Full PDB file with SEQRES, HELIX, SHEET, SSBOND, CRYST1, ORIGX, SCALE, CONECT and MASTER records, all heavy atoms in Angstrom:
SEQRES   1 A   34  GLN LEU VAL GLU PHE ALA ALA GLY THR CYS HIS THR GLY          
SEQRES   2 A   34  MET SER VAL ALA ILE SER VAL HIS LEU HIS TYR CYS PRO          
SEQRES   3 A   34  GLN CYS ARG ALA ALA LEU SER GLU                              
HELIX    1 AA1 LEU A    2  ALA A    7  1                                   6    
HELIX    2 AA2 THR A   12  TYR A   24  1                                  13    
HELIX    3 AA3 PRO A   26  SER A   33  1                                   8    
CRYST1    1.000    1.000    1.000  90.00  90.00  90.00 P 1           1          
ORIGX1      1.000000  0.000000  0.000000        0.00000                         
ORIGX2      0.000000  1.000000  0.000000        0.00000                         
ORIGX3      0.000000  0.000000  1.000000        0.00000                         
SCALE1      1.000000  0.000000  0.000000        0.00000                         
SCALE2      0.000000  1.000000  0.000000        0.00000                         
SCALE3      0.000000  0.000000  1.000000        0.00000                         
ATOM      1  N   GLN A   1      49.034  21.298  -0.608  1.00  0.00           N  
ATOM      2  CA  GLN A   1      50.112  20.382  -0.665  1.00  0.00           C  
ATOM      3  C   GLN A   1      50.080  19.326   0.667  1.00  0.00           C  
ATOM      4  O   GLN A   1      50.301  18.183   0.422  1.00  0.00           O  
ATOM      5  CB  GLN A   1      51.525  21.016  -0.617  1.00  0.00           C  
ATOM      6  CG  GLN A   1      51.754  21.755  -1.833  1.00  0.00           C  
ATOM      7  CD  GLN A   1      52.998  22.632  -1.865  1.00  0.00           C  
ATOM      8  OE1 GLN A   1      53.345  23.150  -0.841  1.00  0.00           O  
ATOM      9  NE2 GLN A   1      53.664  22.754  -2.972  1.00  0.00           N  
ATOM     10  N   LEU A   2      49.663  19.933   1.767  1.00  0.00           N  
ATOM     11  CA  LEU A   2      49.557  19.020   2.955  1.00  0.00           C  
ATOM     12  C   LEU A   2      48.333  18.069   2.831  1.00  0.00           C  
ATOM     13  O   LEU A   2      48.388  16.853   3.178  1.00  0.00           O  
ATOM     14  CB  LEU A   2      49.341  19.868   4.265  1.00  0.00           C  
ATOM     15  CG  LEU A   2      50.543  20.443   4.898  1.00  0.00           C  
ATOM     16  CD1 LEU A   2      50.245  21.266   6.197  1.00  0.00           C  
ATOM     17  CD2 LEU A   2      51.629  19.397   5.380  1.00  0.00           C  
ATOM     18  N   VAL A   3      47.269  18.630   2.214  1.00  0.00           N  
ATOM     19  CA  VAL A   3      46.046  17.826   1.941  1.00  0.00           C  
ATOM     20  C   VAL A   3      46.426  16.604   1.136  1.00  0.00           C  
ATOM     21  O   VAL A   3      46.135  15.397   1.309  1.00  0.00           O  
ATOM     22  CB  VAL A   3      44.964  18.591   1.239  1.00  0.00           C  
ATOM     23  CG1 VAL A   3      43.848  17.668   0.874  1.00  0.00           C  
ATOM     24  CG2 VAL A   3      44.413  19.589   2.328  1.00  0.00           C  
ATOM     25  N   GLU A   4      47.206  16.898   0.062  1.00  0.00           N  
ATOM     26  CA  GLU A   4      47.628  15.780  -0.957  1.00  0.00           C  
ATOM     27  C   GLU A   4      48.630  14.825  -0.149  1.00  0.00           C  
ATOM     28  O   GLU A   4      48.509  13.551  -0.420  1.00  0.00           O  
ATOM     29  CB  GLU A   4      48.372  16.423  -2.206  1.00  0.00           C  
ATOM     30  CG  GLU A   4      47.401  17.155  -3.037  1.00  0.00           C  
ATOM     31  CD  GLU A   4      48.233  17.640  -4.327  1.00  0.00           C  
ATOM     32  OE1 GLU A   4      49.404  17.416  -4.408  1.00  0.00           O  
ATOM     33  OE2 GLU A   4      47.495  18.262  -5.183  1.00  0.00           O  
ATOM     34  N   PHE A   5      49.383  15.232   0.647  1.00  0.00           N  
ATOM     35  CA  PHE A   5      50.344  14.393   1.434  1.00  0.00           C  
ATOM     36  C   PHE A   5      49.548  13.583   2.357  1.00  0.00           C  
ATOM     37  O   PHE A   5      49.761  12.319   2.452  1.00  0.00           O  
ATOM     38  CB  PHE A   5      51.342  15.363   2.205  1.00  0.00           C  
ATOM     39  CG  PHE A   5      52.317  14.533   3.066  1.00  0.00           C  
ATOM     40  CD1 PHE A   5      53.461  13.987   2.554  1.00  0.00           C  
ATOM     41  CD2 PHE A   5      52.055  14.264   4.447  1.00  0.00           C  
ATOM     42  CE1 PHE A   5      54.353  13.298   3.306  1.00  0.00           C  
ATOM     43  CE2 PHE A   5      52.861  13.508   5.195  1.00  0.00           C  
ATOM     44  CZ  PHE A   5      53.991  12.986   4.595  1.00  0.00           C  
ATOM     45  N   ALA A   6      48.515  14.070   3.086  1.00  0.00           N  
ATOM     46  CA  ALA A   6      47.751  13.337   3.955  1.00  0.00           C  
ATOM     47  C   ALA A   6      46.898  12.224   3.222  1.00  0.00           C  
ATOM     48  O   ALA A   6      46.747  11.110   3.731  1.00  0.00           O  
ATOM     49  CB  ALA A   6      46.841  14.255   4.718  1.00  0.00           C  
ATOM     50  N   ALA A   7      46.555  12.478   1.985  1.00  0.00           N  
ATOM     51  CA  ALA A   7      45.759  11.551   1.180  1.00  0.00           C  
ATOM     52  C   ALA A   7      46.625  10.608   0.448  1.00  0.00           C  
ATOM     53  O   ALA A   7      46.140   9.593  -0.087  1.00  0.00           O  
ATOM     54  CB  ALA A   7      44.942  12.347   0.076  1.00  0.00           C  
ATOM     55  N   GLY A   8      47.985  10.832   0.446  1.00  0.00           N  
ATOM     56  CA  GLY A   8      48.878   9.892  -0.087  1.00  0.00           C  
ATOM     57  C   GLY A   8      48.866  10.007  -1.680  1.00  0.00           C  
ATOM     58  O   GLY A   8      49.241   9.081  -2.396  1.00  0.00           O  
ATOM     59  N   THR A   9      48.519  11.158  -2.215  1.00  0.00           N  
ATOM     60  CA  THR A   9      48.364  11.401  -3.656  1.00  0.00           C  
ATOM     61  C   THR A   9      49.447  12.202  -4.273  1.00  0.00           C  
ATOM     62  O   THR A   9      49.586  12.347  -5.548  1.00  0.00           O  
ATOM     63  CB  THR A   9      47.013  12.030  -4.027  1.00  0.00           C  
ATOM     64  OG1 THR A   9      46.952  13.269  -3.319  1.00  0.00           O  
ATOM     65  CG2 THR A   9      45.930  11.084  -3.606  1.00  0.00           C  
ATOM     66  N   CYS A  10      50.465  12.775  -3.471  1.00  0.00           N  
ATOM     67  CA  CYS A  10      51.498  13.532  -4.070  1.00  0.00           C  
ATOM     68  C   CYS A  10      52.691  12.674  -4.605  1.00  0.00           C  
ATOM     69  O   CYS A  10      52.811  11.509  -4.156  1.00  0.00           O  
ATOM     70  CB  CYS A  10      52.049  14.576  -3.100  1.00  0.00           C  
ATOM     71  SG  CYS A  10      52.540  13.947  -1.461  1.00  0.00           S  
ATOM     72  N   HIS A  11      53.405  13.167  -5.528  1.00  0.00           N  
ATOM     73  CA  HIS A  11      54.575  12.468  -6.108  1.00  0.00           C  
ATOM     74  C   HIS A  11      55.640  12.262  -5.086  1.00  0.00           C  
ATOM     75  O   HIS A  11      55.689  12.940  -4.084  1.00  0.00           O  
ATOM     76  CB  HIS A  11      55.083  13.020  -7.418  1.00  0.00           C  
ATOM     77  CG  HIS A  11      55.522  14.446  -7.205  1.00  0.00           C  
ATOM     78  ND1 HIS A  11      56.704  14.750  -6.658  1.00  0.00           N  
ATOM     79  CD2 HIS A  11      55.052  15.634  -7.585  1.00  0.00           C  
ATOM     80  CE1 HIS A  11      56.841  16.129  -6.594  1.00  0.00           C  
ATOM     81  NE2 HIS A  11      55.765  16.649  -7.146  1.00  0.00           N  
ATOM     82  N   THR A  12      56.422  11.249  -5.311  1.00  0.00           N  
ATOM     83  CA  THR A  12      57.500  10.963  -4.352  1.00  0.00           C  
ATOM     84  C   THR A  12      58.465  12.118  -3.958  1.00  0.00           C  
ATOM     85  O   THR A  12      58.716  12.337  -2.753  1.00  0.00           O  
ATOM     86  CB  THR A  12      58.426   9.880  -4.905  1.00  0.00           C  
ATOM     87  OG1 THR A  12      57.618   8.683  -5.193  1.00  0.00           O  
ATOM     88  CG2 THR A  12      59.543   9.484  -3.949  1.00  0.00           C  
ATOM     89  N   GLY A  13      58.840  12.915  -4.797  1.00  0.00           N  
ATOM     90  CA  GLY A  13      59.632  14.137  -4.609  1.00  0.00           C  
ATOM     91  C   GLY A  13      58.954  14.984  -3.574  1.00  0.00           C  
ATOM     92  O   GLY A  13      59.557  15.511  -2.561  1.00  0.00           O  
ATOM     93  N   MET A  14      57.729  15.290  -3.838  1.00  0.00           N  
ATOM     94  CA  MET A  14      57.037  16.110  -2.829  1.00  0.00           C  
ATOM     95  C   MET A  14      56.796  15.481  -1.544  1.00  0.00           C  
ATOM     96  O   MET A  14      56.909  16.038  -0.476  1.00  0.00           O  
ATOM     97  CB  MET A  14      55.561  16.503  -3.429  1.00  0.00           C  
ATOM     98  CG  MET A  14      54.705  17.311  -2.544  1.00  0.00           C  
ATOM     99  SD  MET A  14      55.340  18.991  -2.330  1.00  0.00           S  
ATOM    100  CE  MET A  14      54.877  19.771  -3.989  1.00  0.00           C  
ATOM    101  N   SER A  15      56.470  14.197  -1.532  1.00  0.00           N  
ATOM    102  CA  SER A  15      56.311  13.459  -0.386  1.00  0.00           C  
ATOM    103  C   SER A  15      57.593  13.504   0.604  1.00  0.00           C  
ATOM    104  O   SER A  15      57.501  13.611   1.799  1.00  0.00           O  
ATOM    105  CB  SER A  15      55.960  11.966  -0.656  1.00  0.00           C  
ATOM    106  OG  SER A  15      55.791  11.253   0.549  1.00  0.00           O  
ATOM    107  N   VAL A  16      58.661  13.324  -0.107  1.00  0.00           N  
ATOM    108  CA  VAL A  16      59.980  13.321   0.732  1.00  0.00           C  
ATOM    109  C   VAL A  16      60.225  14.748   1.308  1.00  0.00           C  
ATOM    110  O   VAL A  16      60.650  14.892   2.442  1.00  0.00           O  
ATOM    111  CB  VAL A  16      61.196  12.889  -0.259  1.00  0.00           C  
ATOM    112  CG1 VAL A  16      62.540  13.186   0.498  1.00  0.00           C  
ATOM    113  CG2 VAL A  16      61.146  11.487  -0.663  1.00  0.00           C  
ATOM    114  N   ALA A  17      60.049  15.762   0.490  1.00  0.00           N  
ATOM    115  CA  ALA A  17      60.164  17.121   0.890  1.00  0.00           C  
ATOM    116  C   ALA A  17      59.406  17.425   2.155  1.00  0.00           C  
ATOM    117  O   ALA A  17      59.798  18.148   3.096  1.00  0.00           O  
ATOM    118  CB  ALA A  17      59.969  18.090  -0.251  1.00  0.00           C  
ATOM    119  N   ILE A  18      58.066  17.152   1.983  1.00  0.00           N  
ATOM    120  CA  ILE A  18      57.190  17.543   3.073  1.00  0.00           C  
ATOM    121  C   ILE A  18      57.554  16.504   4.379  1.00  0.00           C  
ATOM    122  O   ILE A  18      57.445  17.140   5.398  1.00  0.00           O  
ATOM    123  CB  ILE A  18      55.567  17.138   2.688  1.00  0.00           C  
ATOM    124  CG1 ILE A  18      55.307  18.196   1.574  1.00  0.00           C  
ATOM    125  CG2 ILE A  18      54.736  17.263   3.862  1.00  0.00           C  
ATOM    126  CD1 ILE A  18      53.922  18.029   1.049  1.00  0.00           C  
ATOM    127  N   SER A  19      57.860  15.382   4.082  1.00  0.00           N  
ATOM    128  CA  SER A  19      58.318  14.479   5.334  1.00  0.00           C  
ATOM    129  C   SER A  19      59.473  15.068   6.061  1.00  0.00           C  
ATOM    130  O   SER A  19      59.492  15.146   7.259  1.00  0.00           O  
ATOM    131  CB  SER A  19      58.578  13.104   4.782  1.00  0.00           C  
ATOM    132  OG  SER A  19      57.360  12.507   4.316  1.00  0.00           O  
ATOM    133  N   VAL A  20      60.385  15.598   5.228  1.00  0.00           N  
ATOM    134  CA  VAL A  20      61.529  16.114   5.932  1.00  0.00           C  
ATOM    135  C   VAL A  20      61.135  17.550   6.646  1.00  0.00           C  
ATOM    136  O   VAL A  20      61.626  17.805   7.706  1.00  0.00           O  
ATOM    137  CB  VAL A  20      62.680  16.408   4.780  1.00  0.00           C  
ATOM    138  CG1 VAL A  20      63.814  17.239   5.325  1.00  0.00           C  
ATOM    139  CG2 VAL A  20      63.277  15.163   4.302  1.00  0.00           C  
ATOM    140  N   HIS A  21      60.427  18.200   6.009  1.00  0.00           N  
ATOM    141  CA  HIS A  21      59.873  19.448   6.728  1.00  0.00           C  
ATOM    142  C   HIS A  21      59.096  19.183   7.861  1.00  0.00           C  
ATOM    143  O   HIS A  21      59.234  19.864   8.978  1.00  0.00           O  
ATOM    144  CB  HIS A  21      59.039  20.207   5.666  1.00  0.00           C  
ATOM    145  CG  HIS A  21      58.316  21.442   6.418  1.00  0.00           C  
ATOM    146  ND1 HIS A  21      58.916  22.673   6.718  1.00  0.00           N  
ATOM    147  CD2 HIS A  21      57.098  21.684   6.780  1.00  0.00           C  
ATOM    148  CE1 HIS A  21      58.092  23.437   7.267  1.00  0.00           C  
ATOM    149  NE2 HIS A  21      56.921  22.857   7.281  1.00  0.00           N  
ATOM    150  N   LEU A  22      58.338  18.118   8.013  1.00  0.00           N  
ATOM    151  CA  LEU A  22      57.589  17.707   9.145  1.00  0.00           C  
ATOM    152  C   LEU A  22      58.399  17.475  10.333  1.00  0.00           C  
ATOM    153  O   LEU A  22      58.163  17.709  11.467  1.00  0.00           O  
ATOM    154  CB  LEU A  22      56.602  16.643   8.832  1.00  0.00           C  
ATOM    155  CG  LEU A  22      55.432  16.971   7.929  1.00  0.00           C  
ATOM    156  CD1 LEU A  22      54.785  15.584   7.491  1.00  0.00           C  
ATOM    157  CD2 LEU A  22      54.441  17.865   8.595  1.00  0.00           C  
ATOM    158  N   HIS A  23      59.702  16.762  10.037  1.00  0.00           N  
ATOM    159  CA  HIS A  23      60.544  16.514  11.040  1.00  0.00           C  
ATOM    160  C   HIS A  23      61.005  17.783  11.846  1.00  0.00           C  
ATOM    161  O   HIS A  23      61.182  17.665  13.071  1.00  0.00           O  
ATOM    162  CB  HIS A  23      61.807  15.936  10.400  1.00  0.00           C  
ATOM    163  CG  HIS A  23      62.991  15.618  11.312  1.00  0.00           C  
ATOM    164  ND1 HIS A  23      62.948  14.405  12.137  1.00  0.00           N  
ATOM    165  CD2 HIS A  23      64.039  16.377  11.620  1.00  0.00           C  
ATOM    166  CE1 HIS A  23      64.037  14.477  12.852  1.00  0.00           C  
ATOM    167  NE2 HIS A  23      64.728  15.715  12.622  1.00  0.00           N  
ATOM    168  N   TYR A  24      60.976  18.907  11.238  1.00  0.00           N  
ATOM    169  CA  TYR A  24      61.483  20.095  11.823  1.00  0.00           C  
ATOM    170  C   TYR A  24      60.260  20.972  12.408  1.00  0.00           C  
ATOM    171  O   TYR A  24      60.501  21.913  13.243  1.00  0.00           O  
ATOM    172  CB  TYR A  24      62.318  20.923  10.892  1.00  0.00           C  
ATOM    173  CG  TYR A  24      63.547  20.383  10.394  1.00  0.00           C  
ATOM    174  CD1 TYR A  24      63.474  19.629   9.272  1.00  0.00           C  
ATOM    175  CD2 TYR A  24      64.771  20.594  11.166  1.00  0.00           C  
ATOM    176  CE1 TYR A  24      64.836  19.032   8.838  1.00  0.00           C  
ATOM    177  CE2 TYR A  24      66.010  20.040  10.660  1.00  0.00           C  
ATOM    178  CZ  TYR A  24      65.983  19.327   9.509  1.00  0.00           C  
ATOM    179  OH  TYR A  24      67.167  18.772   8.980  1.00  0.00           O  
ATOM    180  N   CYS A  25      59.128  20.786  11.923  1.00  0.00           N  
ATOM    181  CA  CYS A  25      58.080  21.763  12.121  1.00  0.00           C  
ATOM    182  C   CYS A  25      56.824  21.175  12.856  1.00  0.00           C  
ATOM    183  O   CYS A  25      55.999  20.454  12.281  1.00  0.00           O  
ATOM    184  CB  CYS A  25      57.493  22.245  10.667  1.00  0.00           C  
ATOM    185  SG  CYS A  25      56.324  23.523  10.714  1.00  0.00           S  
ATOM    186  N   PRO A  26      56.683  21.434  14.136  1.00  0.00           N  
ATOM    187  CA  PRO A  26      55.566  21.083  14.927  1.00  0.00           C  
ATOM    188  C   PRO A  26      54.252  21.658  14.520  1.00  0.00           C  
ATOM    189  O   PRO A  26      53.214  21.083  14.658  1.00  0.00           O  
ATOM    190  CB  PRO A  26      55.903  21.528  16.377  1.00  0.00           C  
ATOM    191  CG  PRO A  26      57.006  22.557  16.159  1.00  0.00           C  
ATOM    192  CD  PRO A  26      57.685  22.253  14.990  1.00  0.00           C  
ATOM    193  N   GLN A  27      54.318  22.853  13.869  1.00  0.00           N  
ATOM    194  CA  GLN A  27      52.998  23.581  13.372  1.00  0.00           C  
ATOM    195  C   GLN A  27      52.422  22.712  12.309  1.00  0.00           C  
ATOM    196  O   GLN A  27      51.267  22.420  12.442  1.00  0.00           O  
ATOM    197  CB  GLN A  27      53.374  24.959  12.953  1.00  0.00           C  
ATOM    198  CG  GLN A  27      52.289  25.672  12.349  1.00  0.00           C  
ATOM    199  CD  GLN A  27      52.627  27.044  11.859  1.00  0.00           C  
ATOM    200  OE1 GLN A  27      53.505  27.592  12.358  1.00  0.00           O  
ATOM    201  NE2 GLN A  27      51.841  27.538  10.884  1.00  0.00           N  
ATOM    202  N   CYS A  28      53.281  22.230  11.339  1.00  0.00           N  
ATOM    203  CA  CYS A  28      52.727  21.437  10.242  1.00  0.00           C  
ATOM    204  C   CYS A  28      52.508  20.069  10.632  1.00  0.00           C  
ATOM    205  O   CYS A  28      51.530  19.481  10.126  1.00  0.00           O  
ATOM    206  CB  CYS A  28      53.672  21.398   9.057  1.00  0.00           C  
ATOM    207  SG  CYS A  28      53.838  23.068   8.125  1.00  0.00           S  
ATOM    208  N   ARG A  29      52.989  19.494  11.672  1.00  0.00           N  
ATOM    209  CA  ARG A  29      52.701  18.123  12.233  1.00  0.00           C  
ATOM    210  C   ARG A  29      51.379  18.156  12.783  1.00  0.00           C  
ATOM    211  O   ARG A  29      50.478  17.371  12.639  1.00  0.00           O  
ATOM    212  CB  ARG A  29      53.700  17.660  13.205  1.00  0.00           C  
ATOM    213  CG  ARG A  29      55.078  17.313  12.633  1.00  0.00           C  
ATOM    214  CD  ARG A  29      55.883  16.454  13.460  1.00  0.00           C  
ATOM    215  NE  ARG A  29      56.189  17.053  14.842  1.00  0.00           N  
ATOM    216  CZ  ARG A  29      57.198  17.754  15.174  1.00  0.00           C  
ATOM    217  NH1 ARG A  29      58.194  17.988  14.145  1.00  0.00           N  
ATOM    218  NH2 ARG A  29      57.417  18.291  16.318  1.00  0.00           N  
ATOM    219  N   ALA A  30      51.034  19.355  13.538  1.00  0.00           N  
ATOM    220  CA  ALA A  30      49.748  19.512  14.103  1.00  0.00           C  
ATOM    221  C   ALA A  30      48.568  19.652  13.047  1.00  0.00           C  
ATOM    222  O   ALA A  30      47.521  19.063  13.111  1.00  0.00           O  
ATOM    223  CB  ALA A  30      49.722  20.746  15.113  1.00  0.00           C  
ATOM    224  N   ALA A  31      48.940  20.485  12.004  1.00  0.00           N  
ATOM    225  CA  ALA A  31      48.014  20.675  10.901  1.00  0.00           C  
ATOM    226  C   ALA A  31      47.699  19.271  10.190  1.00  0.00           C  
ATOM    227  O   ALA A  31      46.553  18.945   9.853  1.00  0.00           O  
ATOM    228  CB  ALA A  31      48.521  21.677   9.920  1.00  0.00           C  
ATOM    229  N   LEU A  32      48.799  18.409   9.977  1.00  0.00           N  
ATOM    230  CA  LEU A  32      48.706  17.171   9.361  1.00  0.00           C  
ATOM    231  C   LEU A  32      47.785  16.260  10.183  1.00  0.00           C  
ATOM    232  O   LEU A  32      46.874  15.467   9.776  1.00  0.00           O  
ATOM    233  CB  LEU A  32      49.947  16.484   9.130  1.00  0.00           C  
ATOM    234  CG  LEU A  32      49.964  15.159   8.464  1.00  0.00           C  
ATOM    235  CD1 LEU A  32      49.446  15.160   7.099  1.00  0.00           C  
ATOM    236  CD2 LEU A  32      51.323  14.604   8.381  1.00  0.00           C  
ATOM    237  N   SER A  33      47.914  16.240  11.535  1.00  0.00           N  
ATOM    238  CA  SER A  33      47.224  15.477  12.500  1.00  0.00           C  
ATOM    239  C   SER A  33      45.684  15.843  12.399  1.00  0.00           C  
ATOM    240  O   SER A  33      44.855  14.885  12.472  1.00  0.00           O  
ATOM    241  CB  SER A  33      47.642  15.620  13.933  1.00  0.00           C  
ATOM    242  OG  SER A  33      46.962  14.756  14.776  1.00  0.00           O  
ATOM    243  N   GLU A  34      45.360  17.028  12.327  1.00  0.00           N  
ATOM    244  CA  GLU A  34      43.974  17.500  12.099  1.00  0.00           C  
ATOM    245  C   GLU A  34      43.476  17.047  10.844  1.00  0.00           C  
ATOM    246  O   GLU A  34      42.234  16.458  10.739  1.00  0.00           O  
ATOM    247  CB  GLU A  34      44.001  19.014  12.148  1.00  0.00           C  
ATOM    248  CG  GLU A  34      44.124  19.639  13.497  1.00  0.00           C  
ATOM    249  CD  GLU A  34      43.076  19.505  14.441  1.00  0.00           C  
ATOM    250  OE1 GLU A  34      41.874  19.272  13.881  1.00  0.00           O  
ATOM    251  OE2 GLU A  34      43.151  19.516  15.685  1.00  0.00           O  
TER     252      GLU A  34                                                      
MASTER        0    0    0    3    0    0    0    6  251    1    0    3          
END                                                                             
């Protein structure tokens, strides 16, 4: 799901949900940066 988010290929609902989670989660922000 993070790979699809990074590629910009996930649907809007998933994109919003992951974006909100990233606000709270430094671990996933680091994974996304990688």
